[in-house]
Structures are given as structure tokens and as C-alpha cells.
Amino acid sequence: MLEEEKLIEKAKKGDILAFEKIYRKHGPKVFRFLYWKTSDIETTKDLVQEVFLKAFKKIKSFKIKKGVSISCWLLRIARNTVIDFYRTSKPTYSLEALEDPVLKLASSQPLPSQLTQRNLENERLKKALAKLPEIQREVIVLRFIEGLSSKEVGEILKKSDGAIRIIQYRALKKLREILKNEKI
């Protein structure tokens, strides 16, 4: 954490190389988060650029807090950016959305049967997640896909740790019901 704090301090002073290191470290996490929101690779790439441009401009306002990393701050910017994006544009759908970049990175050469099974499971999970209320979906993605603590998720969503745990509990309960009732 000390190394990251040094990078943040350097970036606050205008060090572009320090900010680039922050981007390289946290860019993939921001990309995954936004991809779950858009399901479109090109839109996600554009939004990631927008997030890091905003972050670069506002890095001086970032305050280091114990137990909360810069990734929480970046994901909050990403969340607000994607909300703004959907407010100002109509959703578009792409055939590329059927291909999940996370699956591509997971294994270089999976067997066709493994790839098919993963795609089916991934689609089933995406459909089930889509049936959850937005706040529950965000908590599940941030907690289990991004691996953030409930405190970090609370920081991003501006809710208490306890509220996040309750939302998570209800979301998992509802997700289990959805997956149980869904037939494949």
C-alpha cells in the first residue's frame, strides 16, 4: 500500500508516469466493472478512457483513507460515468457482446466443450444478474467479480458497510431463487 500511496502523491504533483502506473494496475478492474454494465467492448473502452481522463484531472482531490484504495475512487468515477452515459444515450447492442473478454483471458486454448460450458454458465449468470435490482447487481459485481470488501463497496456506493452486507445477503438469496427456478 505504501508504494501505491507514493504513486498517488507523485500523480497529484503531475507525474504522468506515476499516473500511468495507477492506470496499468487498476485499468483492468475498471474495464471489467464497466463491461458488466455495458456488455459492449467498444463502449467499455471509450468509458474507461473517460474514467481515467476524469481521474487524471481530479487526482489532486483524492484523499488517501485507511482501508480504502484508489480503486474504490476509480470505480466510483466509473459508476458515475456509466450512469451519465446511459442518461445521455440510447443503448446499442453488438454481436461482440456475446463474446466475454474475461473468458478469453481465463484460458489460452480451452477445449470446445469447456468453452461452451463456460459460455452457457456465463450467459445464465448474466441473465440472472439482469433480473436483480440495480443496487443488488452492483453489490454482487463489486464484491464477487471485482473482489472488493464490503467497506470498499460501501465507499463506492456511498452506503454503510452494514447496508452493503444486507444488500448482498438479499441479492444472493434472490439470485439463488432465480437460478433455482430457471431451467436450462
Protein backbone atom coordinates (compact mmCIF):
# COMPACT_ATOMS: atom_id res chain seq x y z
CA MET A 1 0.00 0.00 0.00
CA LEU A 2 2.89 2.36 0.72
CA GLU A 3 4.11 2.08 -2.87
CA GLU A 4 0.63 2.94 -4.15
CA GLU A 5 0.44 5.93 -1.78
CA LYS A 6 3.76 7.17 -3.17
CA LEU A 7 2.41 6.80 -6.71
CA ILE A 8 -0.71 8.74 -5.78
CA GLU A 9 1.35 11.54 -4.24
CA LYS A 10 3.55 11.71 -7.35
CA ALA A 11 0.47 11.73 -9.60
CA LYS A 12 -1.01 14.56 -7.53
CA LYS A 13 2.13 16.56 -8.30
CA GLY A 14 1.61 15.99 -12.04
CA ASP A 15 3.85 12.96 -12.58
CA ILE A 16 2.36 11.32 -15.69
CA LEU A 17 4.43 8.15 -15.30
CA ALA A 18 3.06 7.63 -11.79
CA PHE A 19 -0.49 8.06 -13.08
CA GLU A 20 0.28 5.61 -15.90
CA LYS A 21 1.29 3.00 -13.29
CA ILE A 22 -2.01 3.60 -11.48
CA TYR A 23 -3.80 3.15 -14.82
CA ARG A 24 -1.96 -0.10 -15.61
CA LYS A 25 -2.73 -1.50 -12.17
CA HIS A 26 -6.41 -0.51 -11.94
CA GLY A 27 -7.41 -0.24 -15.61
CA PRO A 28 -8.41 -3.92 -15.97
CA LYS A 29 -10.63 -3.74 -12.88
CA VAL A 30 -12.37 -0.61 -14.19
CA PHE A 31 -12.74 -2.28 -17.60
CA ARG A 32 -14.38 -5.40 -16.09
CA PHE A 33 -16.73 -3.30 -13.98
CA LEU A 34 -17.82 -1.20 -16.95
CA TYR A 35 -18.08 -4.23 -19.24
CA TRP A 36 -20.59 -5.81 -16.85
CA LYS A 37 -22.58 -2.60 -17.15
CA THR A 38 -22.42 -2.20 -20.95
CA SER A 39 -21.73 -5.66 -22.46
CA ASP A 40 -20.08 -3.85 -25.36
CA ILE A 41 -16.30 -3.83 -25.76
CA GLU A 42 -16.02 -0.61 -27.76
CA THR A 43 -18.31 1.33 -25.43
CA THR A 44 -16.39 -0.03 -22.46
CA LYS A 45 -13.06 1.06 -23.95
CA ASP A 46 -14.43 4.57 -24.50
CA LEU A 47 -15.80 4.74 -20.97
CA VAL A 48 -12.52 3.52 -19.46
CA GLN A 49 -10.71 6.34 -21.26
CA GLU A 50 -13.26 8.81 -19.96
CA VAL A 51 -12.91 7.49 -16.40
CA PHE A 52 -9.15 7.82 -16.38
CA LEU A 53 -9.27 11.25 -18.00
CA LYS A 54 -11.61 12.41 -15.22
CA ALA A 55 -9.38 10.75 -12.63
CA PHE A 56 -6.29 12.45 -14.03
CA LYS A 57 -7.98 15.83 -13.87
CA LYS A 58 -9.25 15.24 -10.31
CA ILE A 59 -6.36 13.25 -8.79
CA LYS A 60 -5.43 16.23 -6.59
CA SER A 61 -8.79 15.93 -4.81
CA PHE A 62 -8.26 12.23 -3.96
CA LYS A 63 -7.70 11.71 -0.24
CA ILE A 64 -5.95 8.60 1.00
CA LYS A 65 -8.07 6.81 3.60
CA LYS A 66 -7.07 3.80 5.65
CA GLY A 67 -8.62 0.60 4.30
CA VAL A 68 -9.88 2.19 1.08
CA SER A 69 -7.76 2.01 -2.05
CA ILE A 70 -7.70 4.27 -5.06
CA SER A 71 -9.57 1.54 -6.94
CA CYS A 72 -12.70 2.44 -4.92
CA TRP A 73 -12.36 6.04 -6.05
CA LEU A 74 -11.83 4.95 -9.66
CA LEU A 75 -14.82 2.59 -9.53
CA ARG A 76 -17.00 5.38 -8.14
CA ILE A 77 -15.95 7.56 -11.08
CA ALA A 78 -16.67 4.60 -13.39
CA ARG A 79 -20.11 4.09 -11.86
CA ASN A 80 -20.99 7.76 -12.26
CA THR A 81 -19.59 7.80 -15.80
CA VAL A 82 -21.69 4.83 -16.92
CA ILE A 83 -24.79 6.34 -15.31
CA ASP A 84 -24.16 9.56 -17.23
CA PHE A 85 -23.57 7.55 -20.40
CA TYR A 86 -26.94 5.80 -20.15
CA ARG A 87 -28.71 9.04 -19.30
CA THR A 88 -27.44 10.69 -22.46
CA SER A 89 -27.57 7.84 -24.96
CA LYS A 90 -29.78 5.06 -26.13
CA PRO A 91 -28.46 1.56 -25.52
CA THR A 92 -26.92 -0.21 -28.51
CA TYR A 93 -26.30 -3.90 -28.89
CA SER A 94 -23.34 -5.54 -30.51
CA LEU A 95 -22.57 -9.06 -31.64
CA GLU A 96 -19.28 -8.67 -29.78
CA ALA A 97 -21.29 -8.61 -26.56
CA LEU A 98 -21.77 -12.34 -26.99
CA GLU A 99 -18.05 -12.85 -26.53
CA ASP A 100 -16.88 -12.29 -22.99
CA PRO A 101 -13.33 -10.90 -22.79
CA VAL A 102 -12.97 -12.29 -19.28
CA LEU A 103 -13.44 -15.80 -20.67
CA LYS A 104 -10.86 -15.14 -23.39
CA LEU A 105 -8.28 -14.18 -20.78
CA ALA A 106 -9.07 -17.09 -18.48
CA SER A 107 -7.53 -19.73 -20.72
CA SER A 108 -5.48 -19.52 -23.87
CA GLN A 109 -6.78 -22.69 -25.53
CA PRO A 110 -9.75 -24.27 -23.72
CA LEU A 111 -11.41 -27.33 -25.12
CA PRO A 112 -14.51 -26.54 -27.18
CA SER A 113 -16.73 -28.33 -24.67
CA GLN A 114 -15.21 -26.32 -21.79
CA LEU A 115 -15.68 -23.07 -23.68
CA THR A 116 -19.29 -23.93 -24.49
CA GLN A 117 -20.00 -24.82 -20.86
CA ARG A 118 -18.38 -21.58 -19.61
CA ASN A 119 -20.32 -19.52 -22.14
CA LEU A 120 -23.59 -21.14 -21.07
CA GLU A 121 -22.84 -20.59 -17.39
CA ASN A 122 -21.75 -17.02 -18.04
CA GLU A 123 -24.90 -16.24 -20.03
CA ARG A 124 -27.06 -17.86 -17.36
CA LEU A 125 -25.38 -15.76 -14.68
CA LYS A 126 -25.70 -12.56 -16.75
CA LYS A 127 -29.41 -13.20 -17.29
CA ALA A 128 -29.94 -13.91 -13.61
CA LEU A 129 -27.99 -10.79 -12.60
CA ALA A 130 -30.05 -8.71 -15.01
CA LYS A 131 -33.17 -9.69 -13.06
CA LEU A 132 -31.79 -8.20 -9.84
CA PRO A 133 -32.43 -4.59 -8.88
CA GLU A 134 -29.56 -2.30 -9.97
CA ILE A 135 -28.14 -1.79 -6.46
CA GLN A 136 -28.08 -5.53 -5.77
CA ARG A 137 -26.44 -6.22 -9.14
CA GLU A 138 -23.76 -3.60 -8.43
CA VAL A 139 -23.01 -5.06 -5.00
CA ILE A 140 -22.68 -8.59 -6.40
CA VAL A 141 -20.39 -7.48 -9.25
CA LEU A 142 -18.19 -5.38 -6.98
CA ARG A 143 -17.99 -7.96 -4.18
CA PHE A 144 -17.62 -11.20 -6.12
CA ILE A 145 -16.36 -10.30 -9.57
CA GLU A 146 -14.09 -7.43 -8.56
CA GLY A 147 -13.28 -8.94 -5.15
CA LEU A 148 -13.76 -5.75 -3.14
CA SER A 149 -14.54 -5.74 0.57
CA SER A 150 -17.96 -4.61 1.75
CA LYS A 151 -16.31 -1.49 3.17
CA GLU A 152 -14.83 -0.65 -0.24
CA VAL A 153 -18.18 -1.29 -1.94
CA GLY A 154 -19.83 0.96 0.62
CA GLU A 155 -17.31 3.68 -0.19
CA ILE A 156 -18.13 3.41 -3.92
CA LEU A 157 -21.90 3.30 -3.48
CA LYS A 158 -21.93 5.78 -0.58
CA LYS A 159 -23.56 3.33 1.82
CA SER A 160 -22.51 1.90 5.17
CA ASP A 161 -20.72 -1.42 5.48
CA GLY A 162 -23.80 -2.88 7.21
CA ALA A 163 -26.11 -1.70 4.43
CA ILE A 164 -23.86 -3.34 1.83
CA ARG A 165 -23.92 -6.64 3.75
CA ILE A 166 -27.73 -6.56 3.90
CA ILE A 167 -27.99 -5.76 0.18
CA GLN A 168 -25.51 -8.56 -0.55
CA TYR A 169 -27.46 -11.07 1.56
CA ARG A 170 -30.73 -10.19 -0.16
CA ALA A 171 -29.11 -10.21 -3.60
CA LEU A 172 -27.56 -13.65 -3.09
CA LYS A 173 -30.85 -15.01 -1.77
CA LYS A 174 -32.72 -13.64 -4.78
CA LEU A 175 -30.02 -14.82 -7.19
CA ARG A 176 -30.25 -18.37 -5.77
CA GLU A 177 -34.03 -18.30 -6.28
CA ILE A 178 -33.67 -17.06 -9.85
CA LEU A 179 -31.06 -19.67 -10.73
CA LYS A 180 -33.02 -22.42 -9.00
CA ASN A 181 -36.23 -21.59 -10.88
CA GLU A 182 -34.52 -21.13 -14.23
CA LYS A 183 -34.40 -24.19 -16.44
CA ILE A 184 -31.61 -24.91 -18.91
